[in-house]
Structure formats: structure tokens, C-alpha cells
Amino acid sequence: MAPKGSITSGEYIVHHLTNNSVGSGFWTWHIDTLIISGLIGLIAFGGMVLLARHASSGVPGRLQGLFEYILGGIDSQVRDTYHGDSKLVTPLAITIAVWVFLMNAIDLLPVDFLPQAAHAAGVEHFKFVPTTDPNLTFGMSLSVFALMMFFNVRYKGVLGLAKEALTVPFGPWLFPLNLIFRIIEDVAKPISLALRLFGNMYAGEMVFILLALPGFWLFPLSLAWALFHILIITLQAFVFMMLTIVYMSMASESH
């Protein structure tokens, strides 16, 4: 990456927010998003598998105790929110909470640290926070949407789902209006789920970049924002997880 003194502020910001891409049009692949999200998932869940294999039934170590606390809390949230019968929802919630939190947490690293390392390796553009890429957040939300549709068909059947879409909330005589409302409701779910996570993380990354522009003397403000940002990245992972559980619960209920 070029030194800040040799480029304008606008070029510096655009450089940090540009993905490393291949392809064109619809078939553009964001290599940095794929690599970082994949590595985080591999390290996080591979580490959890290894930890589970070496878990002790006696007094747990600190790392085992931490993960038991996290997984127990997520399982409790699922039991309180999801009232259907499925062994998929708890693992899904754990995957979302841990994966989204760790992807968000990369935002806490110094803004120039990883891009400069990539530049030293000969890579011009490499955006290191996957959740600032709407392609990733929409990919996750569309996966949740597909599962929601699967749960609707599994628990209600095709006819039950059609009846619900045509008769709720105004009764069978207003079925065109019911269907319009249902389509709007279902389409809005993945859009809001994706944009909420993307918008919050993109805004947070932008603040870090703006604080890095003047130089080292704004480090105290950057530190203060980083401490506050810990709450944001945790909250966004929790909200994405909870909305997923709620959507699965709504899809599993026939009323």
C-alpha cells in the first residue's frame, strides 16, 4: 500500500474499502472475502473439534470452560426462543454466533497493519473484514432464508404453507392482499438481516479509517472507538443469531 503522504484522503479510503476481485459482472469473486472467512471458519471450528476431542469430564481448563459457557448460553437462547423439534437449530446458531463474531473482530486490528502486510507480499488490494462485504452478508442471509423455506415446507407442508400465505392475516376473501403482504414479509427478512450486519460493520470500518488518516496523534480516539466497537461486533453477531432462531421458530409454527 502506498504511504498516506503520497495519496489523497479519498484514495486512501477507497484503497482500504476495495476488494481483491477476479471476474466481471455477476461472476465477480471477492478473493479476500472468501479466503479470510474460510480461514476463520477453519481455525475456529477446527479448533473447537480438537478441543471437544480433548475435553475433560472433570474440572475443565480455562479454554474448555470458556467454550462451555458460550455454547451453554447459545443453547439456552435456542431453547427459550425455538419451540419446534429440530437438531439443526442449535448448531446453526452456534455457527452463526462464533463465525460472525470472529469475522467482525478483525475490525479491531490496526487499519494499516494487515493491508501493509498484503502490500509487502505484492497484493495491491485486500480487504480483511469479510462482514464489510455485502456479498458475504447477503450470502449468509440467503442461506438462512433457504433454511426458513425448508422449515416452512417441512412442518406445514406445501398445502399448509399455501393456506397460511393466502389466508393470514385478513382471511380467505382477501387472499391477494394476504399474498402480497406475505411476499413482502419474506423478502424483507434476508434483506434486513444482510444490510443490518453489513451497514454496522462498514460504518465501523469507515470510522477506523477516518481516525487513522490524521496520524498517530489520534490513537487515543482510535483506542476508545475500538473499546466501544467490541460491543458493536458482539451485538451484531448476537442479533444475527437471534433473528435466525426467530425465523426458524416462525417457520416451524403452524399458527
C-alpha atoms as a PDB file:
ATOM      1  CA  MET A   1       0.000   0.000   0.000  1.00  0.00           C
ATOM      2  CA  ALA A   2       1.287   3.444  -0.851  1.00  0.00           C
ATOM      3  CA  PRO A   3       2.222   5.739   2.043  1.00  0.00           C
ATOM      4  CA  LYS A   4      -0.520   8.056   3.196  1.00  0.00           C
ATOM      5  CA  GLY A   5       1.526  11.118   2.264  1.00  0.00           C
ATOM      6  CA  SER A   6       1.670  10.116  -1.442  1.00  0.00           C
ATOM      7  CA  ILE A   7      -2.069   9.675  -1.964  1.00  0.00           C
ATOM      8  CA  THR A   8      -5.121  11.787  -1.219  1.00  0.00           C
ATOM      9  CA  SER A   9      -7.509  11.085   1.646  1.00  0.00           C
ATOM     10  CA  GLY A  10     -10.152   9.866  -0.799  1.00  0.00           C
ATOM     11  CA  GLU A  11      -7.721   7.469  -2.468  1.00  0.00           C
ATOM     12  CA  TYR A  12      -6.618   6.175   0.934  1.00  0.00           C
ATOM     13  CA  ILE A  13     -10.223   5.430   1.942  1.00  0.00           C
ATOM     14  CA  VAL A  14     -11.117   3.839  -1.401  1.00  0.00           C
ATOM     15  CA  HIS A  15      -7.977   1.695  -1.262  1.00  0.00           C
ATOM     16  CA  HIS A  16      -8.961   0.268   2.130  1.00  0.00           C
ATOM     17  CA  LEU A  17     -12.528  -0.438   1.014  1.00  0.00           C
ATOM     18  CA  THR A  18     -11.692  -2.117  -2.327  1.00  0.00           C
ATOM     19  CA  ASN A  19     -11.920  -5.879  -2.552  1.00  0.00           C
ATOM     20  CA  ASN A  20      -9.407  -8.095  -4.309  1.00  0.00           C
ATOM     21  CA  SER A  21     -11.614  -9.335  -7.146  1.00  0.00           C
ATOM     22  CA  VAL A  22     -11.441 -11.625 -10.150  1.00  0.00           C
ATOM     23  CA  GLY A  23     -14.010 -11.992 -12.882  1.00  0.00           C
ATOM     24  CA  SER A  24     -16.532  -9.435 -14.039  1.00  0.00           C
ATOM     25  CA  GLY A  25     -20.196  -8.586 -13.657  1.00  0.00           C
ATOM     26  CA  PHE A  26     -22.329 -11.070 -11.773  1.00  0.00           C
ATOM     27  CA  TRP A  27     -19.481 -13.616 -11.734  1.00  0.00           C
ATOM     28  CA  THR A  28     -17.070 -11.376  -9.828  1.00  0.00           C
ATOM     29  CA  TRP A  29     -15.365 -13.271  -6.995  1.00  0.00           C
ATOM     30  CA  HIS A  30     -14.055 -11.376  -3.956  1.00  0.00           C
ATOM     31  CA  ILE A  31     -10.975 -13.441  -3.216  1.00  0.00           C
ATOM     32  CA  ASP A  32     -10.157 -11.668   0.056  1.00  0.00           C
ATOM     33  CA  THR A  33     -13.634 -12.275   1.487  1.00  0.00           C
ATOM     34  CA  LEU A  34     -13.536 -15.951   0.533  1.00  0.00           C
ATOM     35  CA  ILE A  35     -10.033 -16.518   1.915  1.00  0.00           C
ATOM     36  CA  ILE A  36     -10.471 -14.685   5.227  1.00  0.00           C
ATOM     37  CA  SER A  37     -13.954 -16.044   6.016  1.00  0.00           C
ATOM     38  CA  GLY A  38     -12.822 -19.561   5.090  1.00  0.00           C
ATOM     39  CA  LEU A  39      -9.666 -19.361   7.210  1.00  0.00           C
ATOM     40  CA  ILE A  40     -11.590 -18.019  10.202  1.00  0.00           C
ATOM     41  CA  GLY A  41     -14.157 -20.790   9.910  1.00  0.00           C
ATOM     42  CA  LEU A  42     -11.471 -23.446   9.543  1.00  0.00           C
ATOM     43  CA  ILE A  43      -9.459 -22.195  12.527  1.00  0.00           C
ATOM     44  CA  ALA A  44     -12.480 -21.582  14.771  1.00  0.00           C
ATOM     45  CA  PHE A  45     -14.428 -24.777  14.162  1.00  0.00           C
ATOM     46  CA  GLY A  46     -11.365 -26.944  13.631  1.00  0.00           C
ATOM     47  CA  GLY A  47     -10.114 -25.683  16.988  1.00  0.00           C
ATOM     48  CA  MET A  48     -13.475 -26.454  18.591  1.00  0.00           C
ATOM     49  CA  VAL A  49     -13.348 -30.002  17.219  1.00  0.00           C
ATOM     50  CA  LEU A  50      -9.868 -30.518  18.671  1.00  0.00           C
ATOM     51  CA  LEU A  51     -10.982 -29.011  21.975  1.00  0.00           C
ATOM     52  CA  ALA A  52     -14.012 -31.332  22.089  1.00  0.00           C
ATOM     53  CA  ARG A  53     -11.807 -34.368  21.478  1.00  0.00           C
ATOM     54  CA  HIS A  54      -9.573 -33.452  24.406  1.00  0.00           C
ATOM     55  CA  ALA A  55     -12.362 -32.217  26.698  1.00  0.00           C
ATOM     56  CA  SER A  56     -12.317 -33.381  30.286  1.00  0.00           C
ATOM     57  CA  SER A  57     -15.379 -34.576  32.149  1.00  0.00           C
ATOM     58  CA  GLY A  58     -13.791 -33.380  35.393  1.00  0.00           C
ATOM     59  CA  VAL A  59     -12.722 -29.857  36.200  1.00  0.00           C
ATOM     60  CA  PRO A  60     -12.433 -28.089  32.816  1.00  0.00           C
ATOM     61  CA  GLY A  61      -9.488 -25.950  31.806  1.00  0.00           C
ATOM     62  CA  ARG A  62      -9.917 -22.253  31.130  1.00  0.00           C
ATOM     63  CA  LEU A  63     -10.395 -22.640  27.377  1.00  0.00           C
ATOM     64  CA  GLN A  64     -12.822 -25.520  27.758  1.00  0.00           C
ATOM     65  CA  GLY A  65     -14.687 -23.586  30.443  1.00  0.00           C
ATOM     66  CA  LEU A  66     -14.946 -20.537  28.168  1.00  0.00           C
ATOM     67  CA  PHE A  67     -16.376 -22.526  25.280  1.00  0.00           C
ATOM     68  CA  GLU A  68     -18.753 -24.435  27.540  1.00  0.00           C
ATOM     69  CA  TYR A  69     -20.024 -21.109  28.853  1.00  0.00           C
ATOM     70  CA  ILE A  70     -20.508 -19.730  25.317  1.00  0.00           C
ATOM     71  CA  LEU A  71     -22.152 -22.864  23.939  1.00  0.00           C
ATOM     72  CA  GLY A  72     -24.347 -23.241  27.021  1.00  0.00           C
ATOM     73  CA  GLY A  73     -25.550 -19.652  26.661  1.00  0.00           C
ATOM     74  CA  ILE A  74     -26.391 -20.132  22.983  1.00  0.00           C
ATOM     75  CA  ASP A  75     -28.178 -23.415  23.702  1.00  0.00           C
ATOM     76  CA  SER A  76     -30.217 -21.654  26.395  1.00  0.00           C
ATOM     77  CA  GLN A  77     -31.225 -18.929  23.933  1.00  0.00           C
ATOM     78  CA  VAL A  78     -32.314 -21.539  21.401  1.00  0.00           C
ATOM     79  CA  ARG A  79     -34.377 -23.437  23.992  1.00  0.00           C
ATOM     80  CA  ASP A  80     -36.112 -20.220  25.086  1.00  0.00           C
ATOM     81  CA  THR A  81     -36.841 -18.992  21.543  1.00  0.00           C
ATOM     82  CA  TYR A  82     -37.256 -22.013  19.298  1.00  0.00           C
ATOM     83  CA  HIS A  83     -40.152 -24.293  20.195  1.00  0.00           C
ATOM     84  CA  GLY A  84     -40.000 -26.723  17.294  1.00  0.00           C
ATOM     85  CA  ASP A  85     -38.372 -30.128  17.091  1.00  0.00           C
ATOM     86  CA  SER A  86     -35.080 -29.900  15.194  1.00  0.00           C
ATOM     87  CA  LYS A  87     -31.492 -30.799  15.990  1.00  0.00           C
ATOM     88  CA  LEU A  88     -30.249 -28.325  13.367  1.00  0.00           C
ATOM     89  CA  VAL A  89     -31.139 -25.009  15.036  1.00  0.00           C
ATOM     90  CA  THR A  90     -28.647 -25.087  17.932  1.00  0.00           C
ATOM     91  CA  PRO A  91     -25.615 -25.989  15.747  1.00  0.00           C
ATOM     92  CA  LEU A  92     -26.769 -23.349  13.263  1.00  0.00           C
ATOM     93  CA  ALA A  93     -26.975 -20.717  16.000  1.00  0.00           C
ATOM     94  CA  ILE A  94     -23.531 -21.670  17.348  1.00  0.00           C
ATOM     95  CA  THR A  95     -22.013 -21.498  13.852  1.00  0.00           C
ATOM     96  CA  ILE A  96     -23.503 -18.066  13.163  1.00  0.00           C
ATOM     97  CA  ALA A  97     -22.620 -16.558  16.546  1.00  0.00           C
ATOM     98  CA  VAL A  98     -18.997 -17.734  16.607  1.00  0.00           C
ATOM     99  CA  TRP A  99     -18.258 -17.210  12.916  1.00  0.00           C
ATOM    100  CA  VAL A 100     -19.827 -13.745  12.634  1.00  0.00           C
ATOM    101  CA  PHE A 101     -18.193 -12.569  15.875  1.00  0.00           C
ATOM    102  CA  LEU A 102     -14.716 -13.658  14.761  1.00  0.00           C
ATOM    103  CA  MET A 103     -15.124 -12.124  11.306  1.00  0.00           C
ATOM    104  CA  ASN A 104     -16.265  -8.884  12.931  1.00  0.00           C
ATOM    105  CA  ALA A 105     -13.364  -8.973  15.400  1.00  0.00           C
ATOM    106  CA  ILE A 106     -10.792  -8.490  12.621  1.00  0.00           C
ATOM    107  CA  ASP A 107     -12.029  -4.892  12.556  1.00  0.00           C
ATOM    108  CA  LEU A 108     -10.254  -4.342  15.896  1.00  0.00           C
ATOM    109  CA  LEU A 109      -6.794  -4.780  14.328  1.00  0.00           C
ATOM    110  CA  PRO A 110      -4.950  -1.577  13.315  1.00  0.00           C
ATOM    111  CA  VAL A 111      -6.311  -0.317   9.999  1.00  0.00           C
ATOM    112  CA  ASP A 112      -2.974  -0.315   8.144  1.00  0.00           C
ATOM    113  CA  PHE A 113      -1.396  -3.405   9.692  1.00  0.00           C
ATOM    114  CA  LEU A 114      -2.829  -6.168   7.514  1.00  0.00           C
ATOM    115  CA  PRO A 115      -3.066  -4.113   4.258  1.00  0.00           C
ATOM    116  CA  GLN A 116       0.615  -3.190   4.575  1.00  0.00           C
ATOM    117  CA  ALA A 117       1.495  -6.856   5.106  1.00  0.00           C
ATOM    118  CA  ALA A 118      -0.503  -7.749   1.983  1.00  0.00           C
ATOM    119  CA  HIS A 119       1.201  -4.948   0.035  1.00  0.00           C
ATOM    120  CA  ALA A 120       4.611  -6.253   1.119  1.00  0.00           C
ATOM    121  CA  ALA A 121       3.583  -9.640  -0.318  1.00  0.00           C
ATOM    122  CA  GLY A 122       2.741  -7.987  -3.650  1.00  0.00           C
ATOM    123  CA  VAL A 123      -1.058  -7.777  -3.210  1.00  0.00           C
ATOM    124  CA  GLU A 124      -2.414  -4.317  -4.023  1.00  0.00           C
ATOM    125  CA  HIS A 125      -5.981  -4.657  -2.691  1.00  0.00           C
ATOM    126  CA  PHE A 126      -7.042  -6.939   0.153  1.00  0.00           C
ATOM    127  CA  LYS A 127      -9.988  -6.084   2.430  1.00  0.00           C
ATOM    128  CA  PHE A 128      -9.622  -8.054   5.644  1.00  0.00           C
ATOM    129  CA  VAL A 129     -13.045  -7.671   7.318  1.00  0.00           C
ATOM    130  CA  PRO A 130     -15.404 -10.079   5.497  1.00  0.00           C
ATOM    131  CA  THR A 131     -18.578  -8.648   7.042  1.00  0.00           C
ATOM    132  CA  THR A 132     -17.909  -5.279   5.361  1.00  0.00           C
ATOM    133  CA  ASP A 133     -18.597  -7.068   2.080  1.00  0.00           C
ATOM    134  CA  PRO A 134     -22.344  -7.191   1.285  1.00  0.00           C
ATOM    135  CA  ASN A 135     -21.766 -10.288  -0.850  1.00  0.00           C
ATOM    136  CA  LEU A 136     -20.902 -12.263   2.290  1.00  0.00           C
ATOM    137  CA  THR A 137     -23.710 -10.871   4.458  1.00  0.00           C
ATOM    138  CA  PHE A 138     -26.266 -11.490   1.703  1.00  0.00           C
ATOM    139  CA  GLY A 139     -24.868 -14.973   1.142  1.00  0.00           C
ATOM    140  CA  MET A 140     -25.389 -15.788   4.815  1.00  0.00           C
ATOM    141  CA  SER A 141     -28.854 -14.219   4.942  1.00  0.00           C
ATOM    142  CA  LEU A 142     -29.966 -16.060   1.788  1.00  0.00           C
ATOM    143  CA  SER A 143     -28.759 -19.326   3.346  1.00  0.00           C
ATOM    144  CA  VAL A 144     -30.913 -18.557   6.395  1.00  0.00           C
ATOM    145  CA  PHE A 145     -33.811 -17.724   4.057  1.00  0.00           C
ATOM    146  CA  ALA A 146     -33.433 -21.066   2.255  1.00  0.00           C
ATOM    147  CA  LEU A 147     -33.487 -22.903   5.600  1.00  0.00           C
ATOM    148  CA  MET A 148     -36.552 -20.896   6.630  1.00  0.00           C
ATOM    149  CA  MET A 149     -38.380 -22.004   3.474  1.00  0.00           C
ATOM    150  CA  PHE A 150     -37.281 -25.594   4.087  1.00  0.00           C
ATOM    151  CA  PHE A 151     -38.650 -25.475   7.646  1.00  0.00           C
ATOM    152  CA  ASN A 152     -41.934 -23.979   6.379  1.00  0.00           C
ATOM    153  CA  VAL A 153     -42.442 -26.864   3.949  1.00  0.00           C
ATOM    154  CA  ARG A 154     -41.208 -29.486   6.419  1.00  0.00           C
ATOM    155  CA  TYR A 155     -43.538 -28.510   9.262  1.00  0.00           C
ATOM    156  CA  LYS A 156     -46.557 -27.148   7.361  1.00  0.00           C
ATOM    157  CA  GLY A 157     -46.391 -28.975   4.065  1.00  0.00           C
ATOM    158  CA  VAL A 158     -46.852 -27.308   0.695  1.00  0.00           C
ATOM    159  CA  LEU A 159     -50.618 -27.033   1.132  1.00  0.00           C
ATOM    160  CA  GLY A 160     -50.314 -25.750   4.707  1.00  0.00           C
ATOM    161  CA  LEU A 161     -47.813 -23.094   3.643  1.00  0.00           C
ATOM    162  CA  ALA A 162     -50.023 -22.039   0.729  1.00  0.00           C
ATOM    163  CA  LYS A 163     -53.066 -21.840   3.020  1.00  0.00           C
ATOM    164  CA  GLU A 164     -51.135 -19.698   5.513  1.00  0.00           C
ATOM    165  CA  ALA A 165     -49.860 -17.364   2.782  1.00  0.00           C
ATOM    166  CA  LEU A 166     -53.335 -16.910   1.289  1.00  0.00           C
ATOM    167  CA  THR A 167     -55.465 -16.614   4.437  1.00  0.00           C
ATOM    168  CA  VAL A 168     -53.286 -14.785   7.021  1.00  0.00           C
ATOM    169  CA  PRO A 169     -53.953 -12.155   8.338  1.00  0.00           C
ATOM    170  CA  PHE A 170     -57.183 -10.968   6.653  1.00  0.00           C
ATOM    171  CA  GLY A 171     -58.951 -14.234   5.881  1.00  0.00           C
ATOM    172  CA  PRO A 172     -59.512 -16.137   2.612  1.00  0.00           C
ATOM    173  CA  TRP A 173     -61.623 -13.449   0.914  1.00  0.00           C
ATOM    174  CA  LEU A 174     -58.680 -11.056   0.771  1.00  0.00           C
ATOM    175  CA  PHE A 175     -56.170 -13.661  -0.401  1.00  0.00           C
ATOM    176  CA  PRO A 176     -54.464 -11.344  -2.984  1.00  0.00           C
ATOM    177  CA  LEU A 177     -53.676  -8.826  -0.229  1.00  0.00           C
ATOM    178  CA  ASN A 178     -52.568 -11.596   2.122  1.00  0.00           C
ATOM    179  CA  LEU A 179     -50.213 -12.976  -0.527  1.00  0.00           C
ATOM    180  CA  ILE A 180     -48.697  -9.543  -1.234  1.00  0.00           C
ATOM    181  CA  PHE A 181     -48.053  -8.974   2.463  1.00  0.00           C
ATOM    182  CA  ARG A 182     -46.530 -12.434   2.819  1.00  0.00           C
ATOM    183  CA  ILE A 183     -44.162 -11.913  -0.114  1.00  0.00           C
ATOM    184  CA  ILE A 184     -43.067  -8.527   1.253  1.00  0.00           C
ATOM    185  CA  GLU A 185     -42.547 -10.019   4.719  1.00  0.00           C
ATOM    186  CA  ASP A 186     -40.463 -12.948   3.466  1.00  0.00           C
ATOM    187  CA  VAL A 187     -38.357 -10.868   1.061  1.00  0.00           C
ATOM    188  CA  ALA A 188     -37.675  -8.250   3.739  1.00  0.00           C
ATOM    189  CA  LYS A 189     -36.201 -10.803   6.145  1.00  0.00           C
ATOM    190  CA  PRO A 190     -32.974 -11.692   4.274  1.00  0.00           C
ATOM    191  CA  ILE A 191     -32.538  -8.105   3.054  1.00  0.00           C
ATOM    192  CA  SER A 192     -32.769  -6.600   6.543  1.00  0.00           C
ATOM    193  CA  LEU A 193     -30.633  -9.388   8.014  1.00  0.00           C
ATOM    194  CA  ALA A 194     -27.837  -8.770   5.497  1.00  0.00           C
ATOM    195  CA  LEU A 195     -27.954  -4.978   5.455  1.00  0.00           C
ATOM    196  CA  ARG A 196     -28.007  -4.646   9.248  1.00  0.00           C
ATOM    197  CA  LEU A 197     -24.756  -6.565   9.652  1.00  0.00           C
ATOM    198  CA  PHE A 198     -23.096  -5.012   6.598  1.00  0.00           C
ATOM    199  CA  GLY A 199     -24.130  -1.450   7.463  1.00  0.00           C
ATOM    200  CA  ASN A 200     -22.897  -1.563  11.048  1.00  0.00           C
ATOM    201  CA  MET A 201     -19.566  -3.179  10.185  1.00  0.00           C
ATOM    202  CA  TYR A 202     -18.948  -0.960   7.150  1.00  0.00           C
ATOM    203  CA  ALA A 203     -19.641   2.144   9.222  1.00  0.00           C
ATOM    204  CA  GLY A 204     -17.304   0.929  11.969  1.00  0.00           C
ATOM    205  CA  GLU A 205     -14.540   0.256   9.453  1.00  0.00           C
ATOM    206  CA  MET A 206     -15.036   3.719   7.963  1.00  0.00           C
ATOM    207  CA  VAL A 207     -14.643   5.341  11.381  1.00  0.00           C
ATOM    208  CA  PHE A 208     -11.366   3.448  11.966  1.00  0.00           C
ATOM    209  CA  ILE A 209     -10.075   4.605   8.568  1.00  0.00           C
ATOM    210  CA  LEU A 210     -11.020   8.238   9.235  1.00  0.00           C
ATOM    211  CA  LEU A 211      -9.315   8.135  12.635  1.00  0.00           C
ATOM    212  CA  ALA A 212      -6.176   6.696  11.003  1.00  0.00           C
ATOM    213  CA  LEU A 213      -5.946   9.491   8.398  1.00  0.00           C
ATOM    214  CA  PRO A 214      -4.506  12.314  10.575  1.00  0.00           C
ATOM    215  CA  GLY A 215      -1.773  10.083  12.006  1.00  0.00           C
ATOM    216  CA  PHE A 216      -0.688   8.587  15.307  1.00  0.00           C
ATOM    217  CA  TRP A 217      -1.850  11.518  17.437  1.00  0.00           C
ATOM    218  CA  LEU A 218      -5.473  10.298  17.186  1.00  0.00           C
ATOM    219  CA  PHE A 219      -4.515   6.928  18.687  1.00  0.00           C
ATOM    220  CA  PRO A 220      -6.432   7.625  21.970  1.00  0.00           C
ATOM    221  CA  LEU A 221      -9.633   8.170  19.967  1.00  0.00           C
ATOM    222  CA  SER A 222      -8.968   5.025  17.949  1.00  0.00           C
ATOM    223  CA  LEU A 223      -8.491   3.070  21.164  1.00  0.00           C
ATOM    224  CA  ALA A 224     -11.719   4.467  22.622  1.00  0.00           C
ATOM    225  CA  TRP A 225     -13.613   3.585  19.438  1.00  0.00           C
ATOM    226  CA  ALA A 226     -12.098   0.093  19.437  1.00  0.00           C
ATOM    227  CA  LEU A 227     -13.289  -0.494  23.002  1.00  0.00           C
ATOM    228  CA  PHE A 228     -16.790   0.661  22.045  1.00  0.00           C
ATOM    229  CA  HIS A 229     -16.610  -1.395  18.850  1.00  0.00           C
ATOM    230  CA  ILE A 230     -16.197  -4.568  20.916  1.00  0.00           C
ATOM    231  CA  LEU A 231     -19.806  -4.058  21.998  1.00  0.00           C
ATOM    232  CA  ILE A 232     -20.902  -3.486  18.389  1.00  0.00           C
ATOM    233  CA  ILE A 233     -19.271  -6.611  16.940  1.00  0.00           C
ATOM    234  CA  THR A 234     -20.672  -8.742  19.766  1.00  0.00           C
ATOM    235  CA  LEU A 235     -24.144  -7.249  19.445  1.00  0.00           C
ATOM    236  CA  GLN A 236     -24.234  -7.730  15.663  1.00  0.00           C
ATOM    237  CA  ALA A 237     -23.268 -11.404  15.985  1.00  0.00           C
ATOM    238  CA  PHE A 238     -25.926 -11.854  18.676  1.00  0.00           C
ATOM    239  CA  VAL A 239     -28.637 -10.086  16.626  1.00  0.00           C
ATOM    240  CA  PHE A 240     -27.881 -12.139  13.505  1.00  0.00           C
ATOM    241  CA  MET A 241     -28.040 -15.322  15.571  1.00  0.00           C
ATOM    242  CA  MET A 242     -31.255 -14.383  17.408  1.00  0.00           C
ATOM    243  CA  LEU A 243     -33.102 -13.319  14.252  1.00  0.00           C
ATOM    244  CA  THR A 244     -32.126 -16.603  12.630  1.00  0.00           C
ATOM    245  CA  ILE A 245     -33.554 -18.530  15.578  1.00  0.00           C
ATOM    246  CA  VAL A 246     -36.746 -16.437  15.484  1.00  0.00           C
ATOM    247  CA  TYR A 247     -37.176 -17.021  11.747  1.00  0.00           C
ATOM    248  CA  MET A 248     -36.718 -20.774  12.218  1.00  0.00           C
ATOM    249  CA  SER A 249     -39.242 -20.722  15.064  1.00  0.00           C
ATOM    250  CA  MET A 250     -41.806 -18.810  12.969  1.00  0.00           C
ATOM    251  CA  ALA A 251     -41.326 -21.260  10.110  1.00  0.00           C
ATOM    252  CA  SER A 252     -41.910 -24.205  12.451  1.00  0.00           C
ATOM    253  CA  GLU A 253     -45.196 -22.932  13.886  1.00  0.00           C
ATOM    254  CA  SER A 254     -48.439 -23.636  12.077  1.00  0.00           C
ATOM    255  CA  HIS A 255     -50.474 -20.809  13.605  1.00  0.00           C
END
